[in-house]
Protein backbone atom coordinates (compact mmCIF):
# COMPACT_ATOMS: atom_id res chain seq x y z
CA UNK A 1 0.00 0.00 0.00
CA UNK A 2 2.83 2.39 0.85
CA UNK A 3 4.53 1.75 -2.46
CA UNK A 4 1.28 2.36 -4.33
CA UNK A 5 0.80 5.67 -2.55
CA UNK A 6 4.32 6.79 -3.40
CA UNK A 7 3.87 5.91 -7.05
CA UNK A 8 0.47 7.59 -7.15
CA UNK A 9 1.96 10.76 -5.70
CA UNK A 10 4.74 10.99 -8.28
CA UNK A 11 2.67 10.26 -11.44
CA UNK A 12 0.51 13.44 -11.37
CA UNK A 13 3.67 15.58 -11.31
CA UNK A 14 5.16 13.86 -14.35
CA UNK A 15 1.99 14.02 -16.47
CA UNK A 16 1.39 17.78 -16.17
CA UNK A 17 5.05 18.36 -17.03
CA UNK A 18 4.76 16.20 -20.14
CA UNK A 19 1.49 17.89 -21.11
CA UNK A 20 3.11 21.32 -20.68
CA UNK A 21 6.00 20.27 -22.91
CA UNK A 22 3.60 19.06 -25.57
CA UNK A 23 1.61 22.31 -25.35
CA UNK A 24 4.83 24.28 -25.87
CA UNK A 25 5.65 22.11 -28.88
CA UNK A 26 2.19 22.72 -30.31
CA UNK A 27 2.53 26.47 -29.81
CA UNK A 28 5.98 26.48 -31.40
CA UNK A 29 4.61 24.41 -34.27
CA UNK A 30 1.67 26.75 -34.73
CA UNK A 31 3.90 29.86 -34.85
CA UNK A 32 6.26 28.76 -37.64
CA UNK A 33 3.42 27.30 -39.66
CA UNK A 34 1.68 30.70 -39.62
CA UNK A 35 4.88 32.36 -40.87
CA UNK A 36 5.45 29.63 -43.44
CA UNK A 37 1.90 29.96 -44.69
CA UNK A 38 2.33 33.74 -45.06
CA UNK A 39 5.51 33.20 -47.07
CA UNK A 40 3.88 30.57 -49.23
CA UNK A 41 0.89 32.86 -49.89
CA UNK A 42 3.22 35.68 -50.94
CA UNK A 43 5.14 33.35 -53.22
CA UNK A 44 2.20 31.71 -54.94
CA UNK A 45 -0.14 34.68 -55.39
CA UNK A 46 -0.02 34.11 -59.12
CA UNK A 47 -1.48 30.65 -59.13
CA UNK A 48 -5.03 31.70 -58.82
CA UNK A 49 -7.92 31.79 -56.50
CA UNK A 50 -8.37 28.01 -56.45
CA UNK A 51 -4.89 27.44 -55.08
CA UNK A 52 -5.37 30.21 -52.54
CA UNK A 53 -8.61 28.61 -51.43
CA UNK A 54 -6.81 25.24 -51.14
CA UNK A 55 -4.02 26.70 -49.05
CA UNK A 56 -6.57 28.47 -46.88
CA UNK A 57 -8.34 25.20 -46.19
CA UNK A 58 -5.00 23.56 -45.44
CA UNK A 59 -4.11 26.36 -43.06
CA UNK A 60 -7.51 26.01 -41.42
CA UNK A 61 -6.97 22.24 -41.04
CA UNK A 62 -3.51 22.75 -39.51
CA UNK A 63 -4.87 25.40 -37.14
CA UNK A 64 -7.71 23.07 -36.14
CA UNK A 65 -5.20 20.27 -35.51
CA UNK A 66 -3.06 22.55 -33.33
CA UNK A 67 -6.04 23.90 -31.39
CA UNK A 68 -7.49 20.40 -31.03
CA UNK A 69 -4.12 19.09 -29.76
CA UNK A 70 -3.91 21.94 -27.25
CA UNK A 71 -7.49 21.34 -26.10
CA UNK A 72 -6.94 17.62 -25.70
CA UNK A 73 -3.73 18.17 -23.77
CA UNK A 74 -5.48 20.67 -21.52
CA UNK A 75 -8.32 18.18 -20.91
CA UNK A 76 -5.80 15.41 -20.22
CA UNK A 77 -3.94 17.63 -17.75
CA UNK A 78 -7.22 18.52 -16.00
CA UNK A 79 -8.23 14.85 -15.82
CA UNK A 80 -4.80 13.71 -14.64
CA UNK A 81 -4.66 16.28 -11.83
CA UNK A 82 -7.71 14.97 -9.89
CA UNK A 83 -6.69 11.42 -10.71
CA UNK A 84 -3.24 12.10 -9.21
CA UNK A 85 -4.88 13.02 -5.93
CA UNK A 86 -5.81 9.36 -5.46
CA UNK A 87 -3.68 6.35 -6.20
CA UNK A 88 -3.56 5.47 -10.01
CA UNK A 89 -2.25 2.15 -11.07
CA UNK A 90 1.09 1.56 -12.81
CA UNK A 91 -0.70 0.30 -15.95
CA UNK A 92 -2.59 3.62 -16.28
CA UNK A 93 0.64 5.58 -15.92
CA UNK A 94 2.35 3.52 -18.61
CA UNK A 95 -0.59 3.91 -21.01
CA UNK A 96 -0.63 7.69 -20.45
CA UNK A 97 3.10 7.90 -21.09
CA UNK A 98 2.77 5.85 -24.28
CA UNK A 99 -0.12 8.01 -25.54
CA UNK A 100 1.82 11.21 -24.82
CA UNK A 101 4.86 9.81 -26.64
CA UNK A 102 2.68 8.93 -29.62
CA UNK A 103 1.25 12.46 -29.64
CA UNK A 104 4.75 13.90 -29.56
CA UNK A 105 5.81 11.73 -32.49
CA UNK A 106 2.75 12.73 -34.49
CA UNK A 107 3.34 16.40 -33.71
CA UNK A 108 6.95 16.05 -34.82
CA UNK A 109 5.70 14.46 -38.05
CA UNK A 110 3.23 17.32 -38.52
CA UNK A 111 5.99 19.81 -37.81
CA UNK A 112 8.21 18.27 -40.47
CA UNK A 113 5.35 18.13 -42.94
CA UNK A 114 4.35 21.76 -42.31
CA UNK A 115 7.93 22.95 -42.65
CA UNK A 116 7.87 21.48 -46.15
CA UNK A 117 5.66 24.44 -47.21
CA UNK A 118 8.82 26.56 -47.50
CA UNK A 119 9.67 24.69 -50.71
CA UNK A 120 8.54 25.57 -54.20
CA UNK A 121 5.17 25.49 -55.88
CA UNK A 122 5.45 21.75 -56.49
CA UNK A 123 5.38 21.16 -52.76
CA UNK A 124 2.13 23.16 -52.56
CA UNK A 125 0.57 20.78 -55.09
CA UNK A 126 1.86 17.88 -53.00
CA UNK A 127 0.28 19.49 -49.94
CA UNK A 128 -3.04 19.51 -51.76
CA UNK A 129 -2.63 15.81 -52.41
CA UNK A 130 -1.69 15.18 -48.78
CA UNK A 131 -4.68 17.15 -47.55
CA UNK A 132 -6.77 14.04 -47.52
CA UNK A 133 -4.07 12.28 -45.53
CA UNK A 134 -4.10 15.09 -42.97
CA UNK A 135 -7.85 14.72 -42.66
CA UNK A 136 -7.47 11.02 -41.99
CA UNK A 137 -4.72 11.76 -39.46
CA UNK A 138 -6.97 14.36 -37.88
CA UNK A 139 -9.69 11.75 -37.55
CA UNK A 140 -7.25 9.28 -36.06
CA UNK A 141 -6.12 11.94 -33.59
CA UNK A 142 -9.70 12.57 -32.60
CA UNK A 143 -10.25 8.84 -32.12
CA UNK A 144 -7.10 8.61 -30.01
CA UNK A 145 -8.22 11.57 -27.95
CA UNK A 146 -11.53 9.83 -27.35
CA UNK A 147 -9.64 6.69 -26.35
CA UNK A 148 -7.55 8.80 -23.94
CA UNK A 149 -10.75 10.17 -22.43
CA UNK A 150 -12.04 6.64 -21.95
CA UNK A 151 -8.66 5.73 -20.41
CA UNK A 152 -8.93 8.62 -17.94
CA UNK A 153 -12.45 7.50 -17.04
CA UNK A 154 -11.08 4.00 -16.45
CA UNK A 155 -8.39 5.51 -14.24
CA UNK A 156 -11.07 7.23 -12.18
CA UNK A 157 -12.90 3.93 -11.86
CA UNK A 158 -9.69 2.21 -10.76
CA UNK A 159 -9.16 4.99 -8.20
CA UNK A 160 -12.64 4.38 -6.82
CA UNK A 161 -11.94 0.66 -6.70
CA UNK A 162 -8.69 1.37 -4.83
CA UNK A 163 -10.55 3.49 -2.28
CA UNK A 164 -13.05 0.66 -1.85
CA UNK A 165 -10.23 -1.81 -1.32
CA UNK A 166 -8.70 0.52 1.30
CA UNK A 167 -12.02 0.66 3.12
CA UNK A 168 -12.25 -3.13 2.97
CA UNK A 169 -8.70 -3.38 4.31
CA UNK A 170 -9.54 -1.13 7.27
CA UNK A 171 -12.63 -3.25 7.88
CA UNK A 172 -10.48 -6.39 7.80
CA UNK A 173 -8.07 -4.80 10.29
CA UNK A 174 -10.95 -4.04 12.65
CA UNK A 175 -12.16 -7.62 12.28
CA UNK A 176 -8.62 -8.84 13.00
CA UNK A 177 -8.52 -6.77 16.21
CA UNK A 178 -11.86 -8.22 17.32
CA UNK A 179 -10.60 -11.71 16.53
CA UNK A 180 -7.46 -11.07 18.61
CA UNK A 181 -9.57 -9.96 21.58
CA UNK A 182 -11.74 -13.02 21.08
CA UNK A 183 -8.63 -15.22 21.02
CA UNK A 184 -7.38 -13.68 24.29
CA UNK A 185 -10.78 -14.29 25.85
CA UNK A 186 -10.69 -17.90 24.69
CA UNK A 187 -7.19 -18.35 26.14
CA UNK A 188 -8.40 -17.00 29.47
CA UNK A 189 -11.35 -19.38 29.34
CA UNK A 190 -8.93 -22.20 28.52
CA UNK A 191 -6.89 -21.40 31.63
CA UNK A 192 -10.07 -21.38 33.70
CA UNK A 193 -11.05 -24.74 32.23
CA UNK A 194 -7.62 -26.14 33.08
CA UNK A 195 -8.03 -24.89 36.63
CA UNK A 196 -11.42 -26.57 36.84
CA UNK A 197 -9.84 -29.78 35.52
CA UNK A 198 -7.17 -29.57 38.23
CA UNK A 199 -9.89 -29.05 40.82
CA UNK A 200 -11.75 -32.06 39.48
CA UNK A 201 -8.61 -34.17 39.58
CA UNK A 202 -8.03 -33.20 43.20
CA UNK A 203 -11.63 -34.10 43.95
CA UNK A 204 -11.17 -37.50 42.31
CA UNK A 205 -8.00 -38.09 44.32
CA UNK A 206 -9.82 -37.17 47.52
CA UNK A 207 -12.56 -39.63 46.57
CA UNK A 208 -10.02 -42.42 46.17
CA UNK A 209 -8.30 -41.46 49.44
CA UNK A 210 -11.53 -41.33 51.42
CA UNK A 211 -12.82 -44.75 50.40
CA UNK A 212 -13.10 -45.77 54.08
CA UNK A 213 -15.89 -43.24 54.65
CA UNK A 214 -17.59 -44.02 51.33
CA UNK A 215 -20.72 -45.50 52.92
CA UNK A 216 -21.39 -42.23 54.79
CA UNK A 217 -20.42 -39.73 52.08
CA UNK A 218 -21.62 -41.66 49.00
CA UNK A 219 -24.65 -39.45 48.38
CA UNK A 220 -22.60 -36.26 48.73
CA UNK A 221 -20.00 -37.52 46.28
CA UNK A 222 -22.72 -38.50 43.81
CA UNK A 223 -24.13 -34.98 43.97
CA UNK A 224 -20.66 -33.48 43.49
CA UNK A 225 -20.00 -35.79 40.56
CA UNK A 226 -23.32 -34.96 38.91
CA UNK A 227 -22.67 -31.23 39.32
CA UNK A 228 -19.15 -31.61 38.00
CA UNK A 229 -20.43 -33.68 35.08
CA UNK A 230 -23.05 -31.06 34.16
CA UNK A 231 -20.51 -28.24 34.47
CA UNK A 232 -17.96 -30.08 32.35
CA UNK A 233 -20.58 -30.95 29.72
CA UNK A 234 -21.65 -27.30 29.46
CA UNK A 235 -18.07 -26.12 29.23
CA UNK A 236 -17.28 -28.83 26.68
CA UNK A 237 -20.22 -27.74 24.49
CA UNK A 238 -19.17 -24.09 24.67
CA UNK A 239 -15.52 -24.85 23.92
CA UNK A 240 -16.48 -27.20 21.09
CA UNK A 241 -18.36 -24.36 19.39
CA UNK A 242 -15.57 -21.85 19.93
CA UNK A 243 -12.38 -23.91 19.77
CA UNK A 244 -12.35 -27.24 17.95
CA UNK A 245 -8.85 -27.94 19.19
CA UNK A 246 -10.16 -28.58 22.73
CA UNK A 247 -12.58 -31.27 21.65
CA UNK A 248 -10.16 -34.12 22.31
CA UNK A 249 -9.42 -32.91 25.83
CA UNK A 250 -13.12 -32.56 26.62
CA UNK A 251 -13.83 -36.06 25.32
CA UNK A 252 -11.09 -37.46 27.53
CA UNK A 253 -12.57 -35.66 30.52
CA UNK A 254 -16.01 -36.99 29.69
CA UNK A 255 -14.74 -40.55 29.43
CA UNK A 256 -12.86 -40.12 32.72
CA UNK A 257 -16.01 -38.91 34.45
CA UNK A 258 -18.01 -41.81 33.04
CA UNK A 259 -15.38 -44.22 34.33
CA UNK A 260 -15.58 -42.59 37.74
CA UNK A 261 -19.36 -42.89 37.74
CA UNK A 262 -19.02 -46.58 36.85
CA UNK A 263 -16.49 -46.95 39.65
CA UNK A 264 -18.93 -45.31 42.04
CA UNK A 265 -21.67 -47.73 40.96
CA UNK A 266 -19.32 -50.67 41.42
CA UNK A 267 -18.33 -49.39 44.84
CA UNK A 268 -21.98 -49.05 45.73
CA UNK A 269 -22.58 -52.69 44.82
CA UNK A 270 -19.42 -53.76 46.66
CA UNK A 271 -20.35 -52.11 49.94
CA UNK A 272 -20.27 -55.45 51.72
CA UNK A 273 -16.73 -56.05 50.55
CA UNK A 274 -15.81 -52.59 51.85
CA UNK A 275 -16.91 -53.59 55.32
CA UNK A 276 -14.55 -56.54 55.20
CA UNK A 277 -11.83 -54.20 54.00
CA UNK A 278 -12.51 -51.90 56.95
CA UNK A 279 -11.90 -54.83 59.26
CA UNK A 280 -8.65 -55.52 57.47
CA UNK A 281 -7.82 -51.81 57.78
CA UNK A 282 -8.44 -51.99 61.51
CA UNK A 283 -6.00 -54.87 61.77
CA UNK A 284 -3.49 -52.87 59.76
CA UNK A 285 -4.11 -49.92 62.06
CA UNK A 286 -3.27 -52.05 65.08
CA UNK A 287 -0.10 -53.18 63.37
CA UNK A 288 0.74 -49.57 62.57
CA UNK A 289 0.18 -48.61 66.19
CA UNK A 290 2.59 -51.33 67.24
CA UNK A 291 5.10 -50.08 64.69
CA UNK A 292 4.53 -46.55 65.99
CA UNK A 293 5.38 -47.70 69.51
CA UNK A 294 8.53 -49.32 68.17
CA UNK A 295 9.41 -46.13 66.31
CA UNK A 296 8.86 -44.07 69.46
CA UNK A 297 11.15 -46.42 71.36
CA UNK A 298 13.70 -46.09 68.59
CA UNK A 299 13.29 -42.31 68.68
CA UNK A 300 13.99 -42.32 72.40
CA UNK A 301 17.14 -44.31 71.77
CA UNK A 302 18.14 -41.89 69.05
CA UNK A 303 17.47 -38.96 71.37
CA UNK A 304 19.81 -40.50 73.94
CA UNK A 305 22.40 -40.94 71.20
CA UNK A 306 21.85 -37.33 70.17
CA UNK A 307 22.29 -36.14 73.74
CA UNK A 308 25.52 -38.10 73.97
CA UNK A 309 26.66 -36.54 70.70
CA UNK A 310 25.68 -33.10 71.98
CA UNK A 311 27.66 -33.68 75.16
CA UNK A 312 30.62 -34.81 73.10
CA UNK A 313 30.25 -31.74 70.94
CA UNK A 314 30.11 -29.56 74.03
CA UNK A 315 33.30 -31.14 75.29
CA UNK A 316 34.85 -30.59 71.88
CA UNK A 317 33.67 -26.99 71.94
CA UNK A 318 35.20 -26.51 75.37
CA UNK A 319 38.44 -27.83 73.94
CA UNK A 320 38.02 -25.42 71.05
CA UNK A 321 37.46 -22.59 73.51
CA UNK A 322 40.69 -23.51 75.21
CA UNK A 323 42.38 -23.57 71.83
CA UNK A 324 40.87 -20.17 71.11
CA UNK A 325 42.24 -18.85 74.35
CA UNK A 326 45.63 -20.24 73.41
CA UNK A 327 45.25 -18.61 70.01
CA UNK A 328 44.39 -15.34 71.69
CA UNK A 329 47.52 -15.71 73.81
CA UNK A 330 49.46 -16.38 70.65
CA UNK A 331 47.88 -13.28 69.13
CA UNK A 332 48.94 -11.23 72.13
CA UNK A 333 52.43 -12.63 71.81
CA UNK A 334 52.35 -11.80 68.12
CA UNK A 335 51.26 -8.28 69.02
CA UNK A 336 54.19 -8.04 71.43
CA UNK A 337 56.47 -9.33 68.70
CA UNK A 338 54.98 -6.78 66.33
CA UNK A 339 55.67 -4.04 68.86
CA UNK A 340 59.25 -5.21 69.17
CA UNK A 341 59.44 -5.33 65.39
CA UNK A 342 58.08 -1.83 65.22
CA UNK A 343 60.74 -0.68 67.69
CA UNK A 344 63.35 -2.44 65.63
CA UNK A 345 61.94 -0.82 62.53
CA UNK A 346 62.21 2.58 64.18
CA UNK A 347 65.79 1.86 65.11
CA UNK A 348 66.49 0.61 61.62
CA UNK A 349 64.88 3.68 60.13
CA UNK A 350 67.09 5.91 62.27
CA UNK A 351 70.09 3.91 61.16
CA UNK A 352 68.96 4.08 57.54
CA UNK A 353 68.55 7.86 57.80
CA UNK A 354 72.09 8.03 59.10
CA UNK A 355 73.38 5.68 56.41
CA UNK A 356 72.35 6.94 52.98
CA UNK A 357 74.34 4.17 51.28
CA UNK A 358 71.99 1.45 52.66
CA UNK A 359 68.81 2.63 50.88
CA UNK A 360 68.15 -0.80 49.35
CA UNK A 361 68.31 -2.44 52.80
CA UNK A 362 65.85 0.10 54.12
CA UNK A 363 63.29 -0.73 51.41
CA UNK A 364 63.68 -4.43 52.07
CA UNK A 365 63.16 -4.05 55.83
CA UNK A 366 60.14 -1.81 55.32
CA UNK A 367 58.59 -4.39 52.98
CA UNK A 368 59.18 -7.16 55.52
CA UNK A 369 57.60 -5.06 58.25
CA UNK A 370 54.55 -4.36 56.09
CA UNK A 371 54.16 -8.05 55.28
CA UNK A 372 54.38 -8.99 58.96
CA UNK A 373 51.83 -6.33 59.88
CA UNK A 374 49.49 -7.68 57.17
CA UNK A 375 49.96 -11.24 58.44
CA UNK A 376 49.15 -10.12 61.98
CA UNK A 377 45.99 -8.39 60.73
CA UNK A 378 44.93 -11.49 58.79
CA UNK A 379 45.51 -13.68 61.86
CA UNK A 380 43.39 -11.35 63.96
CA UNK A 381 40.59 -11.35 61.38
CA UNK A 382 40.64 -15.14 61.01
CA UNK A 383 40.62 -15.58 64.78
CA UNK A 384 37.59 -13.29 65.12
CA UNK A 385 35.71 -15.11 62.32
CA UNK A 386 36.58 -18.53 63.79
CA UNK A 387 35.39 -17.42 67.20
CA UNK A 388 32.08 -16.20 65.75
CA UNK A 389 31.56 -19.47 63.83
CA UNK A 390 32.34 -21.56 66.90
CA UNK A 391 29.98 -19.58 69.13
CA UNK A 392 27.19 -19.84 66.54
CA UNK A 393 27.80 -23.55 66.10
CA UNK A 394 27.75 -24.08 69.86
CA UNK A 395 24.47 -22.18 70.17
CA UNK A 396 22.98 -24.14 67.26
CA UNK A 397 24.00 -27.52 68.70
CA UNK A 398 22.67 -26.59 72.15
CA UNK A 399 19.29 -25.53 70.75
CA UNK A 400 18.99 -28.30 68.11
CA UNK A 401 16.22 -30.90 68.42
CA UNK A 402 14.36 -33.41 66.26
CA UNK A 403 12.57 -30.68 64.28
CA UNK A 404 15.70 -30.26 62.07
CA UNK A 405 15.53 -26.45 62.17
CA UNK A 406 18.80 -24.69 61.23
CA UNK A 407 19.64 -21.02 61.14
CA UNK A 408 19.54 -19.46 57.68
CA UNK A 409 22.77 -17.62 58.41
CA UNK A 410 24.48 -20.97 59.07
CA UNK A 411 23.57 -22.49 55.70
CA UNK A 412 24.38 -19.17 53.96
CA UNK A 413 27.82 -19.26 55.63
CA UNK A 414 28.27 -22.81 54.33
CA UNK A 415 27.52 -21.72 50.77
CA UNK A 416 29.77 -18.66 51.08
CA UNK A 417 32.63 -20.79 52.40
CA UNK A 418 32.08 -23.31 49.56
CA UNK A 419 32.28 -20.55 46.96
CA UNK A 420 35.28 -18.83 48.56
CA UNK A 421 37.38 -22.05 48.85
CA UNK A 422 39.68 -22.41 45.80
CA UNK A 423 39.28 -25.35 43.44
CA UNK A 424 41.41 -28.38 44.32
CA UNK A 425 41.23 -27.77 48.07
CA UNK A 426 39.87 -30.92 49.85
CA UNK A 427 37.99 -28.66 52.25
CA UNK A 428 35.70 -27.67 49.35
CA UNK A 429 34.55 -31.31 49.01
CA UNK A 430 33.92 -31.53 52.77
CA UNK A 431 31.75 -28.41 52.74
CA UNK A 432 29.80 -29.74 49.72
CA UNK A 433 29.25 -33.08 51.49
CA UNK A 434 28.02 -31.22 54.57
CA UNK A 435 25.55 -29.20 52.46
CA UNK A 436 24.27 -32.36 50.73
CA UNK A 437 23.73 -34.08 54.08
CA UNK A 438 21.86 -31.06 55.45
CA UNK A 439 19.62 -30.73 52.37
CA UNK A 440 19.09 -34.53 52.04
CA UNK A 441 20.15 -34.74 48.42
CA UNK A 442 19.33 -37.95 46.57
CA UNK A 443 21.76 -39.97 44.46
CA UNK A 444 20.99 -38.05 41.28
CA UNK A 445 21.69 -34.65 42.87
CA UNK A 446 24.86 -35.96 44.51
CA UNK A 447 26.01 -37.28 41.12
CA UNK A 448 25.29 -33.90 39.51
CA UNK A 449 27.21 -32.12 42.29
CA UNK A 450 30.19 -34.47 41.91
CA UNK A 451 29.86 -36.29 45.23
CA UNK A 452 29.09 -39.57 43.45
CA UNK A 453 30.68 -40.71 40.19
CA UNK A 454 28.64 -43.88 39.51
CA UNK A 455 25.53 -45.68 40.71
CA UNK A 456 27.68 -48.42 42.29
CA UNK A 457 29.15 -46.07 44.94
CA UNK A 458 28.28 -47.01 48.49
CA UNK A 459 26.17 -44.56 50.47
CA UNK A 460 26.22 -44.31 54.21
CA UNK A 461 22.77 -45.23 55.48
CA UNK A 462 22.58 -42.99 58.54
CA UNK A 463 19.75 -40.83 59.73
CA UNK A 464 19.68 -37.22 58.67
CA UNK A 465 20.10 -35.65 62.12
CA UNK A 466 23.01 -37.93 63.12
CA UNK A 467 24.91 -37.49 59.84
CA UNK A 468 24.45 -33.71 59.81
CA UNK A 469 25.51 -33.24 63.45
CA UNK A 470 28.48 -35.58 63.10
CA UNK A 471 29.63 -33.97 59.86
CA UNK A 472 29.21 -30.50 61.32
CA UNK A 473 31.22 -31.45 64.44
CA UNK A 474 33.98 -33.00 62.33
CA UNK A 475 34.08 -29.93 60.11
CA UNK A 476 34.41 -27.62 63.12
CA UNK A 477 37.14 -29.80 64.59
CA UNK A 478 39.13 -29.73 61.34
CA UNK A 479 38.67 -25.98 61.04
CA UNK A 480 39.83 -25.40 64.60
CA UNK A 481 42.85 -27.66 64.12
CA UNK A 482 43.84 -25.74 60.99
C-alpha cells in the first residue's frame, strides 16, 4: 500500500510536465506554420484563387489540428490532476506515457510536414494531395483523444476501486482486532477450564483417598460428581463451538467422568466387601500402632544418642574454647612481637637515615615489616571469624532438636565458604558433602554435584540428624585444628 501511494503521488507531477512540454511544442509548431503559410501565400499569389482557397483550407486544417491538440492536452492535464490526488495504477501511468509519446511523435511528423511548405510550388501541389491524408490523421487523432478520455475514465474507476479496497482493508483490520480480543478471551477461558480440571482431579484423588468413609459420604459424592459432570458438559459444548482444538481434551474428561461414575456404581454394589476391607484396615491400624510404639522407642534411643553426641560436641567446643584462648595468647604474643618489630623498625629507620648508602636495605626491611603487619591483621581477622563461627555452632547444637531447624545464616555461611574455597582444596569437598547431608540430596543430585561418580558407589545409610551433626562437628574440629 505504501509503495502504491508513493507511485500515485509521483505520477501526477510527471503528467502535467509532459502535457506542458507538448503544449509548448504545439505552440511552437503553430507559430512557424503561420509564418510559413504567409511566405507561401506571398510566393504563390499568381497561381489563382483556387490554389489560394486550397491553401486556406490547409491552413484552417492545420490550425484546427493545433487547437485540437492543445485542447486535448489541456483536458488530459485537467483529468490527470484529480486522478493524481488518489492512487492510479502503474498500468494507467504507462498507457498515459505511451499516448503522450505517440502524440509527440505525431506532432513532430506534422511539424516536419508543415515545414515542407517553405519549398517551391510543387510542394504546394503535393500538400493539396496530402490534404486528404491530414484529414485522416486528424480523424485518427480525434479517435485517439476519445480513447484517452475513456482511459482517464477508467483511471477514475480504478481509483474508486482502490478506495473501496482501502475501506475493505480497514474493515479487515478491525475484524482482525476483534478476533485477537476473542482469542485472548478464549485463552483465558482455557486457563479457567484447566483450573477446573485440576480441581476435578483433586476431587477425584480425595474420593479415592476417602474410600473408608464411602458409605457415609456416598450421596454427597454423587451430587458433586453430577454437578461436576453437568458443568464439564456445558463447558465442553461451549468450547467445542468456539475452539475445535479442545474437543479431544473434553472427550477425555467426559470418558474419565463416566469411568468414575461406573467406579462409584461398582463401589456401591461392593459395599459389603468394603466392610470386610474396613476390618482388614483396623487390623493394619493395630499393626501400625505397634510399629509406631517401636518407632517411638527407637526415637527415644536416638534422642539418647543425640544427647551423647551433643555432650561430646560440648566437650569438643570446650576444647576449642581452650584452643581459642591459646590462640588469643598467641595473638597477644604476636602483638608483642609486632611491637618489638616496630621498635626495631624505628631503630632501623634511624640507622637508615644516618646511612644513605643502605637505601636498598631500608626498602627491604620496610617491605618485611609491612608483610608482617598484614599477616598479623589477617591472623586477627581469622581468629575473630573462627570465634564467631564456633559460638554460633555451639548455640545451634545446644538448641537443636528433632525438628531439624537450622539457622539461615548458618547455611548461607556454608555456601559462602564453599564458593570462597579455591578449586582443588579438599575442604571444598567436605563443605559440599556437609551441604548435601543437610539438604538430604538424593543420588541423582549428589552425582550432579560431583559427590558420586557412579551408581555403584556405596552410600552411608545414617539418619539425617546424626549425619548432619556428626559432619558439622567433624568440620568444626578440622577448622579449629587448621
